[in-house]
């Protein structure tokens, strides 16, 4: 009678599920981290936009005081 020997030719289901679980956890951590950075970036962009708008209105007020000579 022949005995069959186990040949390790691939990964087990447990190993594959474990690796997929680790990848999903890392992806979730990266998503939370990136979303925090994006929120901060949107806040900074809004601050710059409001600052630029106020500078533009001040510039228009200053320019309106001068006479246009047509040059």
C-alpha atoms as a PDB file:
ATOM      1  CA  UNK A   1       0.000   0.000   0.000  1.00  0.00           C
ATOM      2  CA  UNK A   2       1.285   3.411  -0.923  1.00  0.00           C
ATOM      3  CA  UNK A   3       1.296   6.215   1.568  1.00  0.00           C
ATOM      4  CA  UNK A   4       0.376   9.658   0.393  1.00  0.00           C
ATOM      5  CA  UNK A   5       2.632  12.436   1.541  1.00  0.00           C
ATOM      6  CA  UNK A   6       1.379  15.943   1.980  1.00  0.00           C
ATOM      7  CA  UNK A   7       2.987  18.294  -0.443  1.00  0.00           C
ATOM      8  CA  UNK A   8       3.071  21.926   0.566  1.00  0.00           C
ATOM      9  CA  UNK A   9       2.521  23.518  -2.790  1.00  0.00           C
ATOM     10  CA  UNK A  10       0.447  26.523  -1.731  1.00  0.00           C
ATOM     11  CA  UNK A  11      -1.055  28.548   1.054  1.00  0.00           C
ATOM     12  CA  UNK A  12      -3.768  27.383   3.391  1.00  0.00           C
ATOM     13  CA  UNK A  13      -7.117  29.117   3.626  1.00  0.00           C
ATOM     14  CA  UNK A  14      -6.281  30.408   7.105  1.00  0.00           C
ATOM     15  CA  UNK A  15      -3.090  32.059   5.852  1.00  0.00           C
ATOM     16  CA  UNK A  16      -4.889  33.733   2.977  1.00  0.00           C
ATOM     17  CA  UNK A  17      -7.709  35.017   5.224  1.00  0.00           C
ATOM     18  CA  UNK A  18      -5.155  36.302   7.732  1.00  0.00           C
ATOM     19  CA  UNK A  19      -3.236  38.237   5.063  1.00  0.00           C
ATOM     20  CA  UNK A  20      -6.446  39.724   3.649  1.00  0.00           C
ATOM     21  CA  UNK A  21      -7.486  40.764   7.170  1.00  0.00           C
ATOM     22  CA  UNK A  22      -4.140  42.497   7.773  1.00  0.00           C
ATOM     23  CA  UNK A  23      -4.391  44.302   4.439  1.00  0.00           C
ATOM     24  CA  UNK A  24      -7.918  45.497   5.269  1.00  0.00           C
ATOM     25  CA  UNK A  25      -6.807  46.798   8.673  1.00  0.00           C
ATOM     26  CA  UNK A  26      -3.899  48.681   7.091  1.00  0.00           C
ATOM     27  CA  UNK A  27      -6.208  50.136   4.436  1.00  0.00           C
ATOM     28  CA  UNK A  28      -8.640  51.340   7.122  1.00  0.00           C
ATOM     29  CA  UNK A  29      -5.838  53.006   9.065  1.00  0.00           C
ATOM     30  CA  UNK A  30      -4.556  54.705   5.909  1.00  0.00           C
ATOM     31  CA  UNK A  31      -8.065  55.881   5.000  1.00  0.00           C
ATOM     32  CA  UNK A  32      -8.586  57.465   8.428  1.00  0.00           C
ATOM     33  CA  UNK A  33      -5.166  59.104   8.265  1.00  0.00           C
ATOM     34  CA  UNK A  34      -5.644  60.502   4.761  1.00  0.00           C
ATOM     35  CA  UNK A  35      -9.151  61.772   5.496  1.00  0.00           C
ATOM     36  CA  UNK A  36      -7.753  63.766   8.427  1.00  0.00           C
ATOM     37  CA  UNK A  37      -5.143  65.350   6.181  1.00  0.00           C
ATOM     38  CA  UNK A  38      -7.781  66.160   3.570  1.00  0.00           C
ATOM     39  CA  UNK A  39      -9.973  67.833   6.178  1.00  0.00           C
ATOM     40  CA  UNK A  40      -7.050  69.974   7.305  1.00  0.00           C
ATOM     41  CA  UNK A  41      -6.216  70.847   3.702  1.00  0.00           C
ATOM     42  CA  UNK A  42      -9.799  71.973   3.007  1.00  0.00           C
ATOM     43  CA  UNK A  43      -9.734  74.188   6.102  1.00  0.00           C
ATOM     44  CA  UNK A  44      -6.443  75.784   5.076  1.00  0.00           C
ATOM     45  CA  UNK A  45      -7.699  76.312   1.528  1.00  0.00           C
ATOM     46  CA  UNK A  46     -10.856  78.022   2.839  1.00  0.00           C
ATOM     47  CA  UNK A  47      -8.747  80.305   5.022  1.00  0.00           C
ATOM     48  CA  UNK A  48      -6.547  81.275   2.071  1.00  0.00           C
ATOM     49  CA  UNK A  49      -9.579  81.901  -0.111  1.00  0.00           C
ATOM     50  CA  UNK A  50     -11.182  84.217   2.426  1.00  0.00           C
ATOM     51  CA  UNK A  51      -7.876  86.015   2.941  1.00  0.00           C
ATOM     52  CA  UNK A  52      -7.475  86.484  -0.827  1.00  0.00           C
ATOM     53  CA  UNK A  53     -11.036  87.805  -1.111  1.00  0.00           C
ATOM     54  CA  UNK A  54     -10.419  90.400   1.587  1.00  0.00           C
ATOM     55  CA  UNK A  55      -7.152  91.450  -0.052  1.00  0.00           C
ATOM     56  CA  UNK A  56      -8.908  91.770  -3.404  1.00  0.00           C
ATOM     57  CA  UNK A  57     -11.600  94.014  -1.954  1.00  0.00           C
ATOM     58  CA  UNK A  58      -8.967  96.167  -0.221  1.00  0.00           C
ATOM     59  CA  UNK A  59      -7.059  96.398  -3.515  1.00  0.00           C
ATOM     60  CA  UNK A  60     -10.216  97.523  -5.347  1.00  0.00           C
ATOM     61  CA  UNK A  61     -10.837 100.185  -2.681  1.00  0.00           C
ATOM     62  CA  UNK A  62      -7.285 101.514  -3.023  1.00  0.00           C
ATOM     63  CA  UNK A  63      -7.397 101.494  -6.829  1.00  0.00           C
ATOM     64  CA  UNK A  64     -10.733 103.317  -6.877  1.00  0.00           C
ATOM     65  CA  UNK A  65      -9.085 106.329  -5.237  1.00  0.00           C
ATOM     66  CA  UNK A  66      -6.821 106.953  -8.208  1.00  0.00           C
ATOM     67  CA  UNK A  67      -7.752 108.584 -11.524  1.00  0.00           C
ATOM     68  CA  UNK A  68      -7.449 106.382 -14.595  1.00  0.00           C
ATOM     69  CA  UNK A  69      -5.210 108.167 -17.114  1.00  0.00           C
ATOM     70  CA  UNK A  70      -5.755 105.597 -19.825  1.00  0.00           C
ATOM     71  CA  UNK A  71      -2.197 104.338 -20.103  1.00  0.00           C
END
